[in-house]
Amino acid sequence: MKTKKIVSLLLAVMMLVSLLAACSSKTSTEAASASTTADASKSATSEQAAASASSASSSTTTEKKKLVYWAQWAENETQATVLKAGIEKFEKENPDYTVEVNWAGREVSKVLKTSLDSGIQIDIVEGSHDFIPSQIGPDYLADITQYVDGTDMEANMLPAMKLFAKSFAPDGTSWYYIPEQPFIGAIFYNKDIFTKAGITTLPTTWAEFLDCCQKIKDAGYDPMTIDDAYVSTLYGQYLGLMKGQDWVGDLMTDKTGDMWGDPAVLQMAKDWSDFAAKGYFSSTVGSNVFPAAQNGEFAVGTAAMYFNGSWVPNEVASITGDSFNWGVMYLPAPEGAQYDYTSIETGCQMFAVTKSCKDPAAAVKLLECFLSVDIQQQFADVAQCIPVVQGCTWPKNLADVEVVMNEATNTFLWEAMTKQDADIKPIVNDTFSQLIGGKISAEDFVSTLQSKIG
């Protein structure tokens, strides 16, 4: 009996211990679970706070600095394609910046000045060498010498173009303008037509030029053509060789009409009139409206020669394809020329940074990307443009341009004119078109200009 009580007591104790252990285990598990839940909640709250802070920080860092660039190209032009690659390069190297472009095209020259005057943000401007320095110039543009000196851009730039760009600065030595896409003006010709005509040596004198044209005519082609937009290159280059570009500039701004009585003008008129009378121009030359001659006569191969700029191969690439055999030659020297016939017309497009630009250092970095060797090589390959830096391979279609540039003994500005009057030039162009179209004589050309201008 006593033994049974002891056993019962032991069983009760064991049950109590088991029950207590179970309760203890349950309480510990629930506590751990509660602790885990609290920790998770705390972690989630911390992550949300961190995410919120990160979002706030991201919002701050995505406020990128903006550069505004007004281009002289339309967005569908090949030059724009390459410039976009340059912008992408800049934005990748400078992630805190973004570039906004106004693809204004050639019309930019008509609105740029008034837009700057109105206070519109424009950090980088672009245009031809005869527009940006003269129409915008130091009144609107910054001296960026401190940002350009010592850069790879400066070191790689073609020496001639470096000097050319600096020549437009007020002191002739500072960096106000960054050159791009240099060009030359010369006679572009179809080598295959020259071969068919039996021409093995390029003409250097006016007499040799006429002989060359006769051979081309005999072979069944028009020796030369020109569009209304470029007739000024013919009389300008001729008179430049005769008297120099400064004299031609004075002629084109002489409102008295007296300078048109100079013997050199009459000689020029007689030579081009005789050229036309011999049938060396296409029959439509007096009435061609650009690009009729360029696209409809020269590019398709009915005319052998066309005086224009080195952008021509790119402009007619869709017509000529890869089969056109490009040649470039100087305009042969007229009788009594004061300058070597190996004189070319040259120039370039230009970038500049405005005085209103708040971050000129960054603007110059963008220009460095545009003038980097890889982007300049794209200009050569894609847009058929002359690279402005050393270390690039020139396009096949511009191989002769490279030769002519390297061999040239003298350079003129475009049309061999240092300046021109906006009212006088249209009168001269129209009268010259009548001359080469056979409508007036050389003497009529002179007298007409004297009466209309004077």
Protein backbone atom coordinates (compact mmCIF):
# COMPACT_ATOMS: atom_id res chain seq x y z
CA MET A 1 0.00 0.00 0.00
CA LYS A 2 2.82 2.31 0.93
CA THR A 3 4.61 1.32 -2.20
CA LYS A 4 1.61 2.30 -4.38
CA LYS A 5 1.47 5.76 -2.81
CA ILE A 6 5.13 6.34 -3.53
CA VAL A 7 4.69 5.28 -7.17
CA SER A 8 1.66 7.53 -7.56
CA LEU A 9 3.57 10.45 -6.08
CA LEU A 10 6.49 9.91 -8.50
CA LEU A 11 4.11 9.79 -11.47
CA ALA A 12 2.47 13.03 -10.40
CA VAL A 13 5.84 14.71 -10.05
CA MET A 14 6.91 13.51 -13.53
CA MET A 15 3.65 14.77 -15.04
CA LEU A 16 4.14 18.16 -13.38
CA VAL A 17 7.72 18.41 -14.65
CA SER A 18 6.58 17.45 -18.15
CA LEU A 19 3.81 20.00 -18.05
CA LEU A 20 6.14 22.74 -16.84
CA ALA A 21 8.66 21.85 -19.57
CA ALA A 22 5.94 22.02 -22.17
CA CYS A 23 4.75 25.38 -20.94
CA SER A 24 8.30 26.66 -20.87
CA SER A 25 8.92 25.47 -24.44
CA LYS A 26 5.73 27.09 -25.72
CA THR A 27 6.49 30.38 -24.02
CA SER A 28 10.06 30.39 -25.47
CA THR A 29 8.82 29.66 -28.99
CA GLU A 30 6.19 32.35 -28.83
CA ALA A 31 8.76 34.81 -27.51
CA ALA A 32 11.17 33.91 -30.28
CA SER A 33 8.40 34.26 -32.82
CA ALA A 34 7.42 37.62 -31.41
CA SER A 35 11.03 38.71 -31.40
CA THR A 36 11.46 37.62 -35.02
CA THR A 37 8.32 39.45 -36.02
CA ALA A 38 9.49 42.58 -34.27
CA ASP A 39 12.92 42.34 -35.88
CA ALA A 40 11.37 41.81 -39.31
CA SER A 41 9.11 44.77 -38.78
CA LYS A 42 12.03 46.86 -37.64
CA SER A 43 14.10 45.70 -40.65
CA ALA A 44 11.26 46.49 -43.05
CA THR A 45 10.87 49.92 -41.52
CA SER A 46 14.63 50.49 -41.85
CA GLU A 47 14.59 49.32 -45.48
CA GLN A 48 11.67 51.58 -46.26
CA ALA A 49 13.49 54.48 -44.66
CA ALA A 50 16.66 53.63 -46.59
CA ALA A 51 14.69 53.31 -49.82
CA SER A 52 13.02 56.62 -49.15
CA ALA A 53 16.39 58.24 -48.48
CA SER A 54 17.84 56.60 -51.58
CA SER A 55 14.92 57.84 -53.64
CA ALA A 56 15.42 61.34 -52.31
CA SER A 57 19.13 61.10 -53.05
CA SER A 58 18.44 59.72 -56.55
CA SER A 59 16.00 62.53 -57.17
CA THR A 60 18.72 64.98 -56.31
CA THR A 61 21.43 63.35 -58.46
CA THR A 62 19.18 63.02 -61.53
CA GLU A 63 18.89 66.79 -61.71
CA LYS A 64 21.53 66.85 -64.43
CA LYS A 65 23.25 69.96 -65.67
CA LYS A 66 22.17 70.90 -69.18
CA LEU A 67 24.16 72.19 -72.13
CA VAL A 68 22.19 73.65 -75.04
CA TYR A 69 23.72 73.38 -78.50
CA TRP A 70 22.28 75.01 -81.62
CA ALA A 71 23.39 73.10 -84.71
CA GLN A 72 23.47 74.25 -88.30
CA TRP A 73 22.43 70.78 -89.48
CA ALA A 74 18.99 69.30 -89.88
CA GLU A 75 18.46 66.18 -87.79
CA ASN A 76 18.16 63.94 -90.88
CA GLU A 77 21.57 64.93 -92.26
CA THR A 78 24.55 62.60 -91.95
CA GLN A 79 26.49 65.23 -90.01
CA ALA A 80 23.79 65.14 -87.34
CA THR A 81 24.19 61.37 -87.06
CA VAL A 82 27.87 61.77 -86.23
CA LEU A 83 27.30 64.69 -83.88
CA LYS A 84 24.80 62.57 -81.97
CA ALA A 85 27.55 59.98 -81.50
CA GLY A 86 29.78 62.74 -80.13
CA ILE A 87 27.04 63.83 -77.72
CA GLU A 88 26.55 60.22 -76.57
CA LYS A 89 30.30 60.00 -75.95
CA PHE A 90 30.21 63.19 -73.87
CA GLU A 91 27.20 62.15 -71.80
CA LYS A 92 28.78 58.77 -71.09
CA GLU A 93 32.02 60.39 -69.95
CA ASN A 94 30.16 63.11 -68.04
CA PRO A 95 27.08 61.43 -66.51
CA ASP A 96 26.08 64.56 -64.60
CA TYR A 97 25.37 66.37 -67.88
CA THR A 98 22.81 66.17 -70.62
CA VAL A 99 22.90 67.91 -74.00
CA GLU A 100 19.85 69.50 -75.59
CA VAL A 101 20.14 70.13 -79.33
CA ASN A 102 18.24 72.48 -81.57
CA TRP A 103 18.68 70.95 -85.04
CA ALA A 104 17.98 74.31 -86.67
CA GLY A 105 19.73 73.64 -89.98
CA ARG A 106 21.04 76.47 -92.17
CA GLU A 107 18.20 78.68 -90.93
CA VAL A 108 20.07 79.01 -87.64
CA SER A 109 21.99 81.94 -89.12
CA LYS A 110 18.75 83.91 -89.42
CA VAL A 111 17.62 83.52 -85.82
CA LEU A 112 20.74 82.95 -83.73
CA LYS A 113 21.54 86.58 -82.94
CA THR A 114 18.00 87.58 -82.01
CA SER A 115 17.65 84.43 -79.91
CA LEU A 116 20.79 85.27 -77.96
CA ASP A 117 19.52 88.83 -77.48
CA SER A 118 16.22 87.52 -76.11
CA GLY A 119 18.02 85.59 -73.36
CA ILE A 120 17.29 82.05 -74.57
CA GLN A 121 19.79 79.58 -73.13
CA ILE A 122 22.28 78.76 -75.87
CA ASP A 123 25.66 77.48 -74.72
CA ILE A 124 27.27 76.34 -77.99
CA VAL A 125 26.70 77.85 -81.42
CA GLU A 126 27.75 76.57 -84.83
CA GLY A 127 28.05 78.05 -88.28
CA SER A 128 30.38 78.85 -91.15
CA HIS A 129 33.60 80.81 -90.71
CA ASP A 130 32.08 83.75 -92.57
CA PHE A 131 29.05 83.87 -90.29
CA ILE A 132 29.99 83.07 -86.70
CA PRO A 133 32.97 85.48 -86.35
CA SER A 134 31.41 88.36 -88.25
CA GLN A 135 27.75 88.15 -87.25
CA ILE A 136 28.06 86.81 -83.69
CA GLY A 137 31.69 87.38 -82.72
CA PRO A 138 33.31 88.42 -79.42
CA ASP A 139 30.31 90.51 -78.38
CA TYR A 140 28.43 87.26 -77.81
CA LEU A 141 31.19 84.66 -77.59
CA ALA A 142 33.56 83.69 -74.79
CA ASP A 143 37.34 83.52 -74.86
CA ILE A 144 37.82 79.81 -74.09
CA THR A 145 41.62 79.77 -74.30
CA GLN A 146 42.07 78.65 -70.68
CA TYR A 147 39.91 75.57 -71.34
CA VAL A 148 41.43 74.66 -74.72
CA ASP A 149 45.15 75.14 -74.12
CA GLY A 150 46.91 71.87 -73.38
CA THR A 151 44.04 69.59 -74.40
CA ASP A 152 44.32 66.65 -76.78
CA MET A 153 41.93 68.54 -79.03
CA GLU A 154 44.44 71.35 -79.45
CA ALA A 155 47.37 68.96 -79.88
CA ASN A 156 45.65 66.84 -82.55
CA MET A 157 44.16 69.70 -84.57
CA LEU A 158 45.52 70.22 -88.09
CA PRO A 159 48.08 73.06 -87.82
CA ALA A 160 46.60 74.97 -90.75
CA MET A 161 43.09 74.86 -89.29
CA LYS A 162 44.41 75.88 -85.87
CA LEU A 163 45.94 79.01 -87.35
CA PHE A 164 42.87 79.62 -89.51
CA ALA A 165 40.52 79.55 -86.50
CA LYS A 166 42.75 81.75 -84.36
CA SER A 167 43.06 84.30 -87.15
CA PHE A 168 39.46 85.34 -86.48
CA ALA A 169 40.08 86.09 -82.79
CA PRO A 170 40.44 89.76 -81.80
CA ASP A 171 44.12 89.24 -80.96
CA GLY A 172 44.79 86.57 -83.57
CA THR A 173 46.06 84.10 -80.97
CA SER A 174 43.20 83.27 -78.60
CA TRP A 175 40.61 80.51 -78.82
CA TYR A 176 37.19 81.92 -79.59
CA TYR A 177 36.40 79.50 -82.42
CA ILE A 178 36.91 75.76 -82.75
CA PRO A 179 37.18 74.65 -86.39
CA GLU A 180 35.31 71.67 -87.80
CA GLN A 181 34.66 70.11 -91.18
CA PRO A 182 37.19 72.11 -93.23
CA PHE A 183 36.53 72.34 -96.94
CA ILE A 184 38.15 73.47 -100.14
CA GLY A 185 36.67 75.08 -103.23
CA ALA A 186 38.06 73.80 -106.51
CA ILE A 187 37.03 72.07 -109.72
CA PHE A 188 35.66 68.59 -109.08
CA TYR A 189 35.80 66.38 -112.15
CA ASN A 190 34.89 62.95 -113.42
CA LYS A 191 38.13 61.03 -113.99
CA ASP A 192 36.43 58.49 -116.24
CA ILE A 193 35.31 61.24 -118.64
CA PHE A 194 38.82 62.70 -118.67
CA THR A 195 40.19 59.26 -119.54
CA LYS A 196 37.67 58.81 -122.36
CA ALA A 197 38.66 62.24 -123.68
CA GLY A 198 42.31 61.24 -123.71
CA ILE A 199 43.36 63.78 -121.07
CA THR A 200 46.44 62.55 -119.24
CA THR A 201 47.77 65.83 -117.86
CA LEU A 202 45.72 68.37 -115.95
CA PRO A 203 45.71 71.92 -117.37
CA THR A 204 47.62 74.67 -115.58
CA THR A 205 47.06 77.64 -117.93
CA TRP A 206 43.88 79.06 -119.42
CA ALA A 207 44.93 77.97 -122.91
CA GLU A 208 45.49 74.42 -121.70
CA PHE A 209 42.13 74.57 -119.97
CA LEU A 210 40.36 75.42 -123.24
CA ASP A 211 42.19 72.61 -125.01
CA CYS A 212 41.11 70.19 -122.28
CA CYS A 213 37.48 71.31 -122.64
CA GLN A 214 37.54 70.82 -126.41
CA LYS A 215 38.70 67.23 -125.97
CA ILE A 216 35.87 66.58 -123.53
CA LYS A 217 33.34 68.11 -125.91
CA ASP A 218 34.68 66.01 -128.77
CA ALA A 219 34.21 62.93 -126.59
CA GLY A 220 30.50 63.74 -126.32
CA TYR A 221 30.26 65.37 -122.92
CA ASP A 222 29.60 68.86 -121.57
CA PRO A 223 32.97 70.04 -120.26
CA MET A 224 31.53 72.06 -117.38
CA THR A 225 28.35 73.04 -115.56
CA ILE A 226 27.41 75.26 -112.62
CA ASP A 227 24.36 76.11 -110.50
CA ASP A 228 23.07 79.57 -109.65
CA ALA A 229 24.18 79.07 -106.04
CA TYR A 230 27.81 78.72 -107.08
CA VAL A 231 28.33 81.03 -110.07
CA SER A 232 30.21 83.39 -107.73
CA THR A 233 32.99 80.81 -107.39
CA LEU A 234 33.81 81.13 -111.10
CA TYR A 235 34.21 84.89 -111.29
CA GLY A 236 35.52 85.10 -107.71
CA GLN A 237 38.32 82.56 -108.15
CA TYR A 238 39.30 84.02 -111.54
CA LEU A 239 39.55 87.56 -110.13
CA GLY A 240 41.25 86.26 -107.00
CA LEU A 241 44.02 84.77 -109.13
CA MET A 242 44.26 88.03 -111.02
CA LYS A 243 44.20 90.54 -108.17
CA GLY A 244 43.95 88.77 -104.80
CA GLN A 245 41.06 88.16 -102.41
CA ASP A 246 41.37 91.53 -100.66
CA TRP A 247 40.85 93.31 -103.97
CA VAL A 248 37.88 91.10 -104.78
CA GLY A 249 36.44 91.91 -101.36
CA ASP A 250 36.77 95.61 -102.08
CA LEU A 251 35.15 95.07 -105.47
CA MET A 252 32.19 93.27 -103.94
CA THR A 253 31.57 96.10 -101.48
CA ASP A 254 32.19 99.06 -103.83
CA LYS A 255 28.86 100.86 -104.03
CA THR A 256 30.13 103.37 -106.60
CA GLY A 257 30.51 100.75 -109.33
CA ASP A 258 33.84 102.28 -110.35
CA MET A 259 35.96 99.21 -109.60
CA TRP A 260 33.98 97.18 -112.15
CA GLY A 261 35.74 99.21 -114.83
CA ASP A 262 39.08 97.59 -113.96
CA PRO A 263 40.66 95.78 -116.96
CA ALA A 264 40.80 92.54 -114.97
CA VAL A 265 37.01 92.47 -114.78
CA LEU A 266 36.60 92.85 -118.53
CA GLN A 267 39.22 90.14 -119.14
CA MET A 268 37.37 87.80 -116.79
CA ALA A 269 34.07 88.51 -118.53
CA LYS A 270 35.59 87.95 -121.97
CA ASP A 271 37.23 84.66 -121.01
CA TRP A 272 34.06 83.17 -119.50
CA SER A 273 31.93 84.55 -122.34
CA ASP A 274 34.28 82.95 -124.87
CA PHE A 275 34.21 79.72 -122.82
CA ALA A 276 30.43 79.67 -123.13
CA ALA A 277 30.46 80.58 -126.83
CA LYS A 278 32.69 77.57 -127.57
CA GLY A 279 30.06 75.30 -126.05
CA TYR A 280 32.12 74.36 -123.01
CA PHE A 281 29.25 74.96 -120.58
CA SER A 282 26.11 72.84 -120.56
CA SER A 283 23.26 74.44 -122.48
CA THR A 284 21.26 75.07 -119.29
CA VAL A 285 24.03 76.84 -117.39
CA GLY A 286 22.47 80.30 -117.54
CA SER A 287 19.24 79.15 -115.89
CA ASN A 288 20.26 76.30 -113.59
CA VAL A 289 18.73 76.54 -110.14
CA PHE A 290 20.58 74.55 -107.48
CA PRO A 291 20.85 71.56 -107.43
CA ALA A 292 19.89 71.05 -111.09
CA ALA A 293 23.46 71.07 -112.40
CA GLN A 294 24.97 69.28 -109.43
CA ASN A 295 22.48 66.42 -109.31
CA GLY A 296 21.14 66.37 -112.85
CA GLU A 297 24.28 66.91 -114.95
CA PHE A 298 27.48 66.44 -112.99
CA ALA A 299 26.45 63.59 -110.68
CA VAL A 300 24.79 61.60 -113.47
CA GLY A 301 27.85 61.95 -115.69
CA THR A 302 26.80 64.19 -118.60
CA ALA A 303 29.08 67.05 -117.48
CA ALA A 304 32.75 66.52 -116.68
CA MET A 305 33.51 69.42 -114.30
CA TYR A 306 31.76 71.35 -111.56
CA PHE A 307 33.31 74.07 -109.37
CA ASN A 308 32.14 73.52 -105.82
CA GLY A 309 33.19 72.62 -102.29
CA SER A 310 34.54 69.36 -100.96
CA TRP A 311 31.13 68.55 -99.48
CA VAL A 312 29.90 67.60 -102.97
CA PRO A 313 30.80 63.87 -102.83
CA ASN A 314 28.64 63.51 -99.75
CA GLU A 315 25.75 65.54 -101.17
CA VAL A 316 25.50 63.43 -104.33
CA ALA A 317 26.47 60.07 -102.82
CA SER A 318 22.95 58.67 -103.26
CA ILE A 319 23.21 59.44 -107.00
CA THR A 320 26.82 58.54 -107.76
CA GLY A 321 27.12 55.53 -105.49
CA ASP A 322 30.57 54.01 -105.17
CA SER A 323 31.28 53.92 -108.89
CA PHE A 324 31.99 57.62 -109.44
CA ASN A 325 35.70 58.21 -110.02
CA TRP A 326 36.34 61.52 -108.24
CA GLY A 327 39.01 63.98 -109.29
CA VAL A 328 39.92 67.46 -108.03
CA MET A 329 41.90 70.16 -109.82
CA TYR A 330 42.76 73.83 -109.49
CA LEU A 331 41.18 76.45 -111.73
CA PRO A 332 43.92 77.05 -114.33
CA ALA A 333 45.65 80.42 -114.25
CA PRO A 334 44.29 83.23 -116.45
CA GLU A 335 46.67 85.31 -118.55
CA GLY A 336 48.48 87.82 -116.31
CA ALA A 337 47.45 86.22 -113.00
CA GLN A 338 49.34 87.57 -109.98
CA TYR A 339 48.78 84.44 -107.89
CA ASP A 340 49.80 80.85 -108.52
CA TYR A 341 47.10 78.72 -110.07
CA THR A 342 47.69 76.30 -107.16
CA SER A 343 45.52 78.52 -105.00
CA ILE A 344 42.47 76.97 -103.40
CA GLU A 345 39.42 78.40 -101.72
CA THR A 346 39.12 77.14 -98.19
CA GLY A 347 37.21 77.55 -94.98
CA CYS A 348 35.46 75.55 -92.30
CA GLN A 349 32.50 75.37 -90.01
CA MET A 350 33.03 76.65 -86.47
CA PHE A 351 31.88 75.94 -82.94
CA ALA A 352 31.91 78.65 -80.29
CA VAL A 353 30.85 78.98 -76.66
CA THR A 354 28.60 81.87 -75.72
CA LYS A 355 29.35 84.42 -73.01
CA SER A 356 26.06 83.49 -71.37
CA CYS A 357 27.15 79.85 -70.94
CA LYS A 358 27.32 79.12 -67.21
CA ASP A 359 29.68 76.16 -67.60
CA PRO A 360 32.21 76.90 -70.38
CA ALA A 361 34.56 74.16 -69.14
CA ALA A 362 31.87 71.53 -69.75
CA ALA A 363 30.99 73.08 -73.11
CA VAL A 364 34.61 72.74 -74.21
CA LYS A 365 34.59 69.10 -73.08
CA LEU A 366 31.68 68.50 -75.45
CA LEU A 367 33.69 70.12 -78.26
CA GLU A 368 36.61 67.87 -77.34
CA CYS A 369 34.34 64.89 -77.95
CA PHE A 370 33.29 66.30 -81.33
CA LEU A 371 36.96 66.69 -82.28
CA SER A 372 38.15 63.36 -80.87
CA VAL A 373 39.86 61.09 -83.38
CA ASP A 374 37.11 58.45 -83.28
CA ILE A 375 34.29 60.96 -83.91
CA GLN A 376 36.31 62.75 -86.59
CA GLN A 377 36.89 59.40 -88.28
CA GLN A 378 33.12 58.95 -88.32
CA PHE A 379 32.79 62.34 -90.00
CA ALA A 380 35.15 61.07 -92.69
CA ASP A 381 33.50 57.66 -93.06
CA VAL A 382 29.82 58.51 -92.64
CA ALA A 383 29.52 62.14 -93.77
CA GLN A 384 32.41 62.19 -96.28
CA CYS A 385 33.85 65.24 -94.48
CA ILE A 386 37.45 66.28 -94.14
CA PRO A 387 38.64 65.46 -90.60
CA VAL A 388 39.99 68.44 -88.67
CA VAL A 389 42.43 66.42 -86.59
CA GLN A 390 45.44 64.30 -87.39
CA GLY A 391 45.32 60.51 -87.14
CA CYS A 392 42.29 59.92 -89.38
CA THR A 393 41.99 58.11 -92.70
CA TRP A 394 40.40 60.31 -95.35
CA PRO A 395 37.44 59.07 -97.41
CA LYS A 396 38.24 57.48 -100.74
CA ASN A 397 36.15 60.10 -102.55
CA LEU A 398 38.28 62.86 -101.02
CA ALA A 399 41.68 61.34 -101.74
CA ASP A 400 42.45 63.97 -104.38
CA VAL A 401 41.24 66.71 -102.04
CA GLU A 402 43.94 65.68 -99.58
CA VAL A 403 46.53 65.89 -102.36
CA VAL A 404 45.33 69.31 -103.53
CA MET A 405 45.31 70.66 -99.98
CA ASN A 406 48.84 69.43 -99.37
CA GLU A 407 50.14 70.83 -102.66
CA ALA A 408 48.37 74.21 -102.55
CA THR A 409 50.74 77.19 -102.46
CA ASN A 410 48.11 79.76 -101.51
CA THR A 411 44.65 79.86 -100.00
CA PHE A 412 41.69 82.17 -100.52
CA LEU A 413 38.55 82.41 -98.50
CA TRP A 414 35.42 80.96 -100.08
CA GLU A 415 34.73 82.63 -103.45
CA ALA A 416 38.11 84.39 -103.06
CA MET A 417 36.37 87.26 -101.28
CA THR A 418 37.32 88.68 -97.91
CA LYS A 419 33.98 90.50 -97.76
CA GLN A 420 30.85 91.10 -99.82
CA ASP A 421 27.82 93.35 -99.82
CA ALA A 422 24.45 91.61 -99.50
CA ASP A 423 22.88 93.97 -102.03
CA ILE A 424 25.69 93.88 -104.58
CA LYS A 425 26.29 90.15 -104.79
CA PRO A 426 22.84 89.15 -106.13
CA ILE A 427 23.21 91.74 -108.89
CA VAL A 428 26.62 90.38 -109.87
CA ASN A 429 25.44 86.76 -109.75
CA ASP A 430 22.43 87.45 -111.94
CA THR A 431 24.45 89.44 -114.47
CA PHE A 432 27.17 86.78 -114.59
CA SER A 433 24.53 84.10 -115.21
CA GLN A 434 23.31 86.11 -118.18
CA LEU A 435 26.91 86.35 -119.41
CA ILE A 436 27.65 82.62 -119.34
CA GLY A 437 24.16 81.92 -120.65
CA GLY A 438 25.04 83.86 -123.79
CA LYS A 439 22.47 86.61 -123.24
CA ILE A 440 24.90 89.53 -122.87
CA SER A 441 28.45 90.34 -123.97
CA ALA A 442 31.47 90.97 -121.78
CA GLU A 443 31.16 94.70 -122.39
CA ASP A 444 27.47 94.56 -121.45
CA PHE A 445 28.42 92.73 -118.26
CA VAL A 446 30.70 95.59 -117.16
CA SER A 447 28.35 98.40 -118.14
CA THR A 448 25.34 96.70 -116.53
CA LEU A 449 27.10 96.34 -113.22
CA GLN A 450 28.41 99.88 -113.26
CA SER A 451 24.91 101.24 -113.88
CA LYS A 452 23.10 98.98 -111.41
CA ILE A 453 25.62 99.29 -108.58
CA GLY A 454 26.80 102.87 -109.03
